[in-house]
Protein backbone atom coordinates (compact mmCIF):
# COMPACT_ATOMS: atom_id res chain seq x y z
CA MET A 1 160.55 69.06 127.96
CA LYS A 2 156.82 69.75 127.59
CA SER A 3 154.65 67.73 125.23
CA LYS A 4 153.92 69.50 121.95
CA ILE A 5 150.51 67.80 121.90
CA THR A 6 149.16 68.40 125.41
CA GLY A 7 151.61 70.84 126.99
CA GLY A 8 152.04 68.30 129.79
CA GLU A 9 154.98 66.31 131.06
CA THR A 10 157.18 64.03 128.96
CA THR A 11 159.69 61.30 129.72
CA LEU A 12 163.11 60.97 128.08
CA LEU A 13 162.87 57.78 126.04
CA PHE A 14 166.23 57.40 124.26
CA THR A 15 168.90 59.23 122.30
CA GLN A 16 169.66 58.60 118.63
CA LYS A 17 172.38 59.85 116.30
CA ILE A 18 170.86 62.08 113.61
CA LEU A 19 172.54 62.79 110.26
CA ASN A 20 175.38 60.57 111.53
CA LYS A 21 176.63 63.41 113.72
CA TYR A 22 174.14 64.79 116.30
CA GLU A 23 173.11 62.92 119.46
CA VAL A 24 169.43 63.83 119.75
CA LYS A 25 167.04 63.20 122.63
CA TYR A 26 163.57 61.71 122.05
CA TYR A 27 160.79 62.40 124.55
CA ARG A 28 157.45 60.63 125.07
CA CYS A 29 154.26 62.44 126.11
CA ASN A 30 153.10 60.90 129.37
CA GLU A 31 149.42 61.35 128.49
CA THR A 32 149.16 60.38 124.81
CA GLY A 33 152.35 58.45 124.01
CA PHE A 34 153.34 60.95 121.30
CA ILE A 35 157.11 60.98 120.73
CA GLN A 36 159.01 64.12 119.81
CA THR A 37 162.64 65.02 119.44
CA GLU A 38 164.29 67.81 121.36
CA GLU A 39 164.00 71.13 119.54
CA PRO A 40 165.23 70.23 116.03
CA PHE A 41 168.20 72.53 115.51
CA TRP A 42 169.42 70.42 112.56
CA LEU A 43 166.45 70.95 110.21
CA GLU A 44 168.10 73.45 107.87
CA GLU A 45 170.79 70.88 107.19
CA ALA A 46 168.28 68.03 106.94
CA TYR A 47 166.28 69.93 104.31
CA SER A 48 169.21 70.78 102.07
CA SER A 49 167.21 68.52 99.75
CA ALA A 50 163.43 68.73 100.14
CA ILE A 51 162.97 65.07 99.16
CA THR A 52 165.39 62.71 100.89
CA LYS A 53 167.50 60.04 99.21
CA LEU A 54 165.62 57.39 101.20
CA ASP A 55 162.21 58.33 99.84
CA ILE A 56 162.47 55.97 96.88
CA GLY A 57 158.83 54.96 97.42
CA LEU A 58 157.59 58.40 96.39
CA VAL A 59 156.31 57.36 92.95
CA SER A 60 154.75 54.06 94.00
CA ARG A 61 153.17 55.70 97.06
CA ASN A 62 151.53 58.41 94.99
CA ILE A 63 150.19 55.94 92.44
CA TYR A 64 148.82 53.76 95.24
CA LEU A 65 147.19 56.69 97.02
CA SER A 66 145.69 58.18 93.85
CA GLU A 67 143.95 54.90 93.08
CA ARG A 68 142.45 54.49 96.54
CA VAL A 69 141.77 58.10 97.49
CA SER A 70 139.87 58.68 94.25
CA LYS A 71 137.46 55.88 95.20
CA PHE A 72 137.14 57.25 98.72
CA ILE A 73 136.33 60.76 97.51
CA ALA A 74 133.83 59.45 94.98
CA THR A 75 131.82 57.67 97.69
CA LYS A 76 132.21 59.99 100.71
CA PHE A 77 132.63 63.54 99.37
CA ASN A 78 131.49 65.82 96.58
CA ARG A 79 133.60 64.61 93.66
CA LYS A 80 132.89 67.87 91.81
CA GLY A 81 134.50 69.96 94.55
CA ILE A 82 137.94 71.55 94.68
CA PHE A 83 140.71 69.62 96.44
CA LEU A 84 144.12 70.53 97.84
CA ASP A 85 147.23 68.43 98.38
CA TYR A 86 149.09 70.11 101.23
CA ALA A 87 152.90 69.85 101.26
CA GLY A 88 152.51 67.98 98.01
CA GLY A 89 156.17 67.78 97.02
CA TYR A 90 156.76 67.75 93.28
CA GLY A 91 153.01 67.80 92.55
CA LEU A 92 152.81 64.19 91.37
CA PHE A 93 149.72 63.31 93.43
CA THR A 94 147.92 66.44 92.20
CA ARG A 95 148.73 65.54 88.60
CA LEU A 96 147.53 61.96 89.04
CA MET A 97 144.27 63.09 90.64
CA ARG A 98 143.64 65.65 87.91
CA ASP A 99 144.26 62.89 85.36
CA LYS A 100 141.43 61.00 87.07
CA GLY A 101 139.10 64.00 86.77
CA PHE A 102 139.34 65.52 90.26
CA ASN A 103 139.86 69.29 90.46
CA TYR A 104 143.00 69.04 92.58
CA TYR A 105 145.52 71.76 93.42
CA HIS A 106 148.96 71.66 95.01
CA THR A 107 150.81 73.62 97.67
CA ASP A 108 154.28 73.16 99.12
CA LYS A 109 156.40 76.09 100.27
CA PHE A 110 159.56 73.98 100.45
CA CYS A 111 159.45 72.03 97.17
CA GLN A 112 159.07 73.02 93.51
CA ASN A 113 155.82 72.05 91.83
CA LEU A 114 157.06 70.16 88.77
CA PHE A 115 154.09 68.02 87.72
CA ALA A 116 151.11 70.28 88.45
CA GLU A 117 152.36 73.69 87.38
CA SER A 118 149.44 76.11 86.81
CA PHE A 119 147.40 74.09 89.31
CA ASP A 120 148.92 75.53 92.46
CA LEU A 121 147.25 77.17 95.44
CA THR A 122 148.69 80.47 94.20
CA ASP A 123 146.64 80.09 91.00
CA LEU A 124 143.36 80.24 92.96
CA PRO A 125 141.49 83.14 94.61
CA THR A 126 142.44 83.48 98.27
CA SER A 127 138.79 82.93 99.19
CA THR A 128 138.76 79.39 97.74
CA THR A 129 137.49 76.67 100.07
CA PHE A 130 138.22 73.01 99.52
CA GLU A 131 136.03 69.94 99.77
CA LEU A 132 138.97 67.94 101.12
CA ALA A 133 142.64 68.54 101.86
CA THR A 134 145.20 65.75 101.81
CA ALA A 135 148.57 65.68 103.58
CA PHE A 136 150.57 62.55 102.90
CA GLU A 137 153.71 61.84 104.93
CA VAL A 138 153.66 65.35 106.42
CA PHE A 139 152.73 65.06 110.11
CA GLU A 140 156.00 63.38 111.11
CA HIS A 141 157.88 66.47 109.82
CA LEU A 142 156.04 69.04 111.97
CA PRO A 143 158.03 70.91 114.66
CA ASN A 144 154.80 72.33 116.15
CA PRO A 145 152.10 69.79 115.25
CA VAL A 146 148.97 71.36 116.76
CA GLU A 147 149.51 74.83 115.29
CA GLU A 148 150.53 73.49 111.89
CA ILE A 149 147.60 71.06 111.71
CA LYS A 150 145.32 73.95 112.65
CA SER A 151 146.72 75.84 109.66
CA MET A 152 145.95 72.91 107.35
CA LEU A 153 142.37 72.77 108.59
CA LYS A 154 141.83 76.40 107.55
CA PHE A 155 141.69 75.13 103.98
CA SER A 156 139.04 72.49 104.61
CA ASP A 157 136.98 70.88 107.37
CA ASN A 158 138.12 67.51 105.99
CA LEU A 159 141.79 66.46 106.19
CA LEU A 160 142.87 63.03 104.98
CA PHE A 161 146.48 62.22 105.88
CA THR A 162 149.07 59.51 106.31
CA THR A 163 151.60 59.05 109.07
CA GLU A 164 152.58 55.66 110.41
CA LEU A 165 151.49 54.95 113.97
CA GLN A 166 154.12 53.86 116.46
CA PRO A 167 154.85 50.15 116.93
CA LYS A 168 152.79 48.65 119.73
CA GLN A 169 155.92 47.45 121.50
CA LEU A 170 157.74 50.46 122.94
CA ALA A 171 160.99 48.50 122.93
CA ASP A 172 160.89 48.49 119.11
CA ILE A 173 160.75 52.29 118.75
CA LYS A 174 164.47 53.05 118.58
CA SER A 175 165.03 50.66 115.65
CA TRP A 176 161.76 51.61 113.90
CA TRP A 177 162.50 52.47 110.26
CA TYR A 178 160.22 55.52 110.46
CA ILE A 179 162.67 57.28 112.79
CA SER A 180 164.77 57.82 109.64
CA GLN A 181 167.77 59.11 111.56
CA GLU A 182 169.94 59.16 108.44
CA THR A 183 167.90 62.00 106.95
CA GLY A 184 166.85 63.82 110.14
CA GLN A 185 163.52 65.02 108.79
CA HIS A 186 161.16 62.92 110.93
CA ILE A 187 160.76 64.56 114.32
CA ALA A 188 157.19 63.70 115.45
CA PHE A 189 155.74 60.22 115.95
CA TYR A 190 152.11 59.58 116.75
CA THR A 191 149.86 57.15 118.52
CA ALA A 192 146.14 56.90 117.75
CA GLU A 193 145.57 58.49 121.15
CA SER A 194 147.69 61.53 120.30
CA LEU A 195 145.89 62.07 116.98
CA ALA A 196 142.51 61.68 118.71
CA TYR A 197 143.62 64.26 121.30
CA ILE A 198 144.53 66.76 118.58
CA ALA A 199 141.26 66.22 116.74
CA LYS A 200 139.18 66.72 119.88
CA HIS A 201 141.22 69.78 120.89
CA LEU A 202 140.58 71.37 117.48
CA GLY A 203 136.90 70.35 117.36
CA TYR A 204 137.06 67.56 114.78
CA ASN A 205 136.05 63.93 114.56
CA PHE A 206 138.90 61.44 114.14
CA TYR A 207 138.98 58.25 112.10
CA THR A 208 141.90 55.88 111.53
CA ASP A 209 142.65 52.61 109.80
CA GLY A 210 144.77 51.75 112.84
CA SER A 211 148.00 51.90 110.90
CA ILE A 212 148.86 54.75 108.54
CA LEU A 213 145.76 56.41 107.09
CA HIS A 214 143.73 58.91 109.14
CA LEU A 215 140.98 61.50 108.80
CA PHE A 216 140.07 64.70 110.68
CA THR A 217 136.59 65.84 109.70
CA LYS A 218 133.46 67.67 110.77
CA LYS A 219 131.44 64.90 109.12
CA VAL A 220 130.21 61.83 110.97
CA PHE A 221 131.09 58.43 109.50
CA LYS A 222 131.04 54.84 110.64
CA PRO A 223 134.14 53.96 112.70
CA ASP A 224 135.54 51.78 109.90
CA VAL A 225 135.12 54.40 107.15
CA LEU A 226 138.77 54.05 106.12
CA LYS A 227 138.71 50.26 105.94
CA PRO A 228 137.88 50.07 102.21
CA ILE A 229 141.06 51.93 101.30
CA ARG A 230 143.32 50.22 103.80
CA ASP A 231 145.94 48.02 102.16
CA SER A 232 149.65 47.31 102.21
CA PHE A 233 151.68 50.52 101.85
CA ILE A 234 155.07 50.63 100.21
CA LEU A 235 156.99 49.92 103.40
CA ARG A 236 155.19 48.38 106.37
CA LYS A 237 156.28 47.99 109.96
CA THR A 238 157.25 44.42 109.05
CA LYS A 239 159.70 45.87 106.48
CA LYS A 240 158.12 43.81 103.72
CA ALA A 241 157.98 45.34 100.25
CA VAL A 242 154.84 45.32 98.18
CA LYS A 243 155.19 42.58 95.60
CA LYS A 244 154.65 43.47 91.97
CA THR A 245 154.05 40.52 89.68
CA ASP A 246 154.10 39.83 85.98
CA GLU A 247 151.95 36.81 85.29
CA GLY A 248 153.29 36.48 81.75
CA LYS A 249 155.95 34.13 80.48
CA TYR A 250 158.61 35.64 82.75
CA GLY A 251 156.83 34.53 85.91
CA LYS A 252 156.57 36.44 89.17
CA MET A 253 158.73 39.48 89.81
CA GLU A 254 159.36 40.83 93.30
CA SER A 255 159.73 44.55 93.88
CA LEU A 256 163.24 45.85 94.46
CA LEU A 257 161.90 48.69 96.60
CA LEU A 258 162.92 47.25 99.97
CA THR A 259 166.36 46.10 98.86
CA ASP A 260 167.01 49.48 97.19
CA TRP A 261 165.89 51.28 100.35
CA GLN A 262 168.25 49.19 102.48
CA TYR A 263 171.12 49.75 100.01
CA ILE A 264 170.68 53.55 100.17
CA LYS A 265 170.29 53.46 103.96
CA ASP A 266 173.58 51.55 104.27
CA LYS A 267 175.32 54.06 102.00
CA LEU A 268 174.08 56.97 104.12
CA ASN A 269 175.40 55.23 107.21
CA GLY A 270 178.83 54.93 105.62
């Protein structure tokens, strides 16, 4: 199978049972380390629900990102510009950003816009250009990454996105929680090298926090431009949940996010 990043050779890495029924092959790009599944014939079934049962971190993730991305935009971009959240799900991030004063719009052809109705891409002139586009937890879903990323960049020369980079130890890949075999929607897994390859191929500069947050842009920044907004995300490679505390009379409270995620995962696995 040819690499969907470079078009070059790949190596069969492992097989994994998807949706508890399909034995699926995973291939690794010999040049960039990018991992892809075989052609994903199961996607229609996997997307019977646009948002999976395992994505219980959706609300916390959007709150987290809205707080940090708003500060990033305010210091690095024109805060008075127009912004687009690509594949923005229910529109929660768009609503949160509009609540903070940013002129954000939503687009997602697979999911109903519930929270930002009337602030959708379809409500704007087709000639609209955007100061920045965001795409959170999208890249790992892309069957044809280069072409689909190219489509995103038609909206803006600046694309801020999240996708978790592969574990450094290749032996840990098969058990990596990001594979998400129970839901079958994650089919593309990146290294920093593979994202840098895509950026260069498309004529963009690439910046990363080395973990989950990345930027394609025509602008030139310092290499650590994303450092100020790097922090613990809802689920890390270490599988530790973000701790939420109440310093009042009830003492410290630990988030149930990780235990809930594991409970749902076990249910899906029967």
